[in-house]
Amino acid sequence: MIEDFYCEEVLSGKTIVKKVLETDNVLAYYHTNPFYPVHIVAIPKNIFPPCYH
């Protein structure tokens, strides 16, 4: 079971996403299974200790 999808899959690069914006602190990308025609997810890169970079 994945502890945190965003950390273990997206930030680590295991799951390829179409990026909207990426900075040192934030990653915004199009949702991999959108509910709306445009569904963008924005996640912080540095707040979660278990995240991989």
N, C-alpha and C. Protein backbone atom coordinates (compact mmCIF):
# COMPACT_ATOMS: atom_id res chain seq x y z
N MET A 1 0.84 -1.19 0.00
CA MET A 1 0.00 0.00 0.00
C MET A 1 0.88 1.24 0.00
N ILE A 2 0.50 2.22 -0.81
CA ILE A 2 1.26 3.46 -0.91
C ILE A 2 0.92 4.35 0.28
N GLU A 3 1.96 4.78 1.00
CA GLU A 3 1.76 5.64 2.15
C GLU A 3 1.28 7.02 1.72
N ASP A 4 1.92 7.59 0.70
CA ASP A 4 1.53 8.91 0.19
C ASP A 4 1.79 8.93 -1.31
N PHE A 5 0.74 8.91 -2.10
CA PHE A 5 0.86 8.85 -3.56
C PHE A 5 1.72 9.99 -4.09
N TYR A 6 1.49 11.20 -3.59
CA TYR A 6 2.20 12.36 -4.12
C TYR A 6 3.70 12.25 -3.89
N CYS A 7 4.09 11.81 -2.72
CA CYS A 7 5.52 11.68 -2.42
C CYS A 7 6.14 10.48 -3.13
N GLU A 8 5.52 9.33 -2.95
CA GLU A 8 6.13 8.09 -3.43
C GLU A 8 6.03 7.92 -4.94
N GLU A 9 5.02 8.50 -5.57
CA GLU A 9 4.84 8.29 -7.00
C GLU A 9 5.18 9.53 -7.83
N VAL A 10 4.60 10.66 -7.47
CA VAL A 10 4.75 11.85 -8.31
C VAL A 10 6.10 12.54 -8.09
N LEU A 11 6.42 12.90 -6.86
CA LEU A 11 7.67 13.62 -6.63
C LEU A 11 8.90 12.75 -6.88
N SER A 12 8.78 11.46 -6.71
CA SER A 12 9.92 10.58 -6.95
C SER A 12 10.14 10.34 -8.44
N GLY A 13 9.10 10.61 -9.25
CA GLY A 13 9.21 10.41 -10.69
C GLY A 13 8.72 9.05 -11.17
N LYS A 14 8.23 8.21 -10.28
CA LYS A 14 7.73 6.88 -10.67
C LYS A 14 6.50 7.00 -11.57
N THR A 15 5.65 7.97 -11.28
CA THR A 15 4.48 8.23 -12.12
C THR A 15 4.74 9.50 -12.91
N ILE A 16 4.66 9.39 -14.22
CA ILE A 16 4.90 10.54 -15.09
C ILE A 16 3.64 11.39 -15.14
N VAL A 17 3.79 12.69 -14.93
CA VAL A 17 2.66 13.61 -14.96
C VAL A 17 2.98 14.75 -15.93
N LYS A 18 1.93 15.37 -16.44
CA LYS A 18 2.09 16.53 -17.31
C LYS A 18 2.13 17.77 -16.42
N LYS A 19 3.32 18.34 -16.28
CA LYS A 19 3.53 19.46 -15.36
C LYS A 19 2.95 20.76 -15.93
N VAL A 20 2.35 21.52 -15.02
CA VAL A 20 1.84 22.85 -15.34
C VAL A 20 2.87 23.88 -14.89
N LEU A 21 3.42 23.67 -13.69
CA LEU A 21 4.40 24.58 -13.10
C LEU A 21 5.24 23.80 -12.11
N GLU A 22 6.52 24.11 -12.08
CA GLU A 22 7.40 23.50 -11.08
C GLU A 22 8.40 24.53 -10.60
N THR A 23 8.48 24.69 -9.29
CA THR A 23 9.48 25.56 -8.67
C THR A 23 10.24 24.71 -7.65
N ASP A 24 11.12 25.34 -6.90
CA ASP A 24 11.84 24.62 -5.85
C ASP A 24 10.89 24.15 -4.75
N ASN A 25 9.76 24.83 -4.61
CA ASN A 25 8.85 24.55 -3.50
C ASN A 25 7.52 23.90 -3.88
N VAL A 26 7.11 24.00 -5.14
CA VAL A 26 5.77 23.55 -5.55
C VAL A 26 5.83 22.81 -6.87
N LEU A 27 4.98 21.80 -7.00
CA LEU A 27 4.77 21.11 -8.27
C LEU A 27 3.28 21.14 -8.56
N ALA A 28 2.91 21.67 -9.73
CA ALA A 28 1.52 21.68 -10.17
C ALA A 28 1.46 20.86 -11.45
N TYR A 29 0.47 19.97 -11.53
CA TYR A 29 0.35 19.10 -12.69
C TYR A 29 -1.11 18.75 -12.95
N TYR A 30 -1.37 18.30 -14.18
CA TYR A 30 -2.72 17.85 -14.51
C TYR A 30 -2.98 16.52 -13.83
N HIS A 31 -4.12 16.41 -13.17
CA HIS A 31 -4.49 15.20 -12.44
C HIS A 31 -4.46 14.00 -13.38
N THR A 32 -4.00 12.87 -12.90
CA THR A 32 -3.89 11.67 -13.74
C THR A 32 -5.23 11.00 -14.01
N ASN A 33 -6.24 11.30 -13.19
CA ASN A 33 -7.58 10.75 -13.37
C ASN A 33 -8.58 11.86 -13.06
N PRO A 34 -8.68 12.86 -13.96
CA PRO A 34 -9.45 14.07 -13.63
C PRO A 34 -10.95 13.85 -13.48
N PHE A 35 -11.53 14.60 -12.57
CA PHE A 35 -12.97 14.61 -12.36
C PHE A 35 -13.61 15.67 -13.25
N TYR A 36 -12.88 16.76 -13.49
CA TYR A 36 -13.32 17.87 -14.33
C TYR A 36 -12.46 17.91 -15.59
N PRO A 37 -12.92 18.61 -16.65
CA PRO A 37 -12.12 18.70 -17.87
C PRO A 37 -10.70 19.26 -17.61
N VAL A 38 -10.61 20.23 -16.72
CA VAL A 38 -9.30 20.75 -16.31
C VAL A 38 -9.20 20.55 -14.80
N HIS A 39 -8.31 19.67 -14.38
CA HIS A 39 -8.15 19.33 -12.96
C HIS A 39 -6.66 19.37 -12.66
N ILE A 40 -6.24 20.44 -12.02
CA ILE A 40 -4.81 20.64 -11.71
C ILE A 40 -4.58 20.43 -10.23
N VAL A 41 -3.54 19.67 -9.92
CA VAL A 41 -3.14 19.40 -8.54
C VAL A 41 -1.87 20.20 -8.26
N ALA A 42 -1.84 20.91 -7.14
CA ALA A 42 -0.64 21.63 -6.72
C ALA A 42 -0.22 21.08 -5.36
N ILE A 43 1.04 20.64 -5.28
CA ILE A 43 1.53 20.06 -4.02
C ILE A 43 2.84 20.72 -3.61
N PRO A 44 3.03 20.90 -2.32
CA PRO A 44 4.32 21.41 -1.83
C PRO A 44 5.37 20.32 -1.93
N LYS A 45 6.59 20.71 -2.17
CA LYS A 45 7.67 19.73 -2.29
C LYS A 45 8.40 19.49 -0.97
N ASN A 46 8.39 20.45 -0.09
CA ASN A 46 9.27 20.38 1.07
C ASN A 46 8.59 20.20 2.42
N ILE A 47 7.28 20.08 2.46
CA ILE A 47 6.60 20.04 3.76
C ILE A 47 6.48 18.63 4.33
N PHE A 48 6.48 17.60 3.49
CA PHE A 48 6.28 16.24 3.95
C PHE A 48 7.62 15.52 4.15
N PRO A 49 7.96 15.16 5.36
CA PRO A 49 9.23 14.48 5.60
C PRO A 49 9.46 13.20 4.79
N PRO A 50 8.43 12.37 4.50
CA PRO A 50 8.73 11.14 3.77
C PRO A 50 8.91 11.32 2.26
N CYS A 51 8.81 12.56 1.75
CA CYS A 51 8.92 12.76 0.30
C CYS A 51 10.34 12.51 -0.20
N TYR A 52 10.40 11.99 -1.40
CA TYR A 52 11.68 11.73 -2.05
C TYR A 52 11.92 12.79 -3.09
N HIS A 53 13.17 13.22 -3.23
CA HIS A 53 13.51 14.24 -4.23
C HIS A 53 14.57 13.71 -5.15
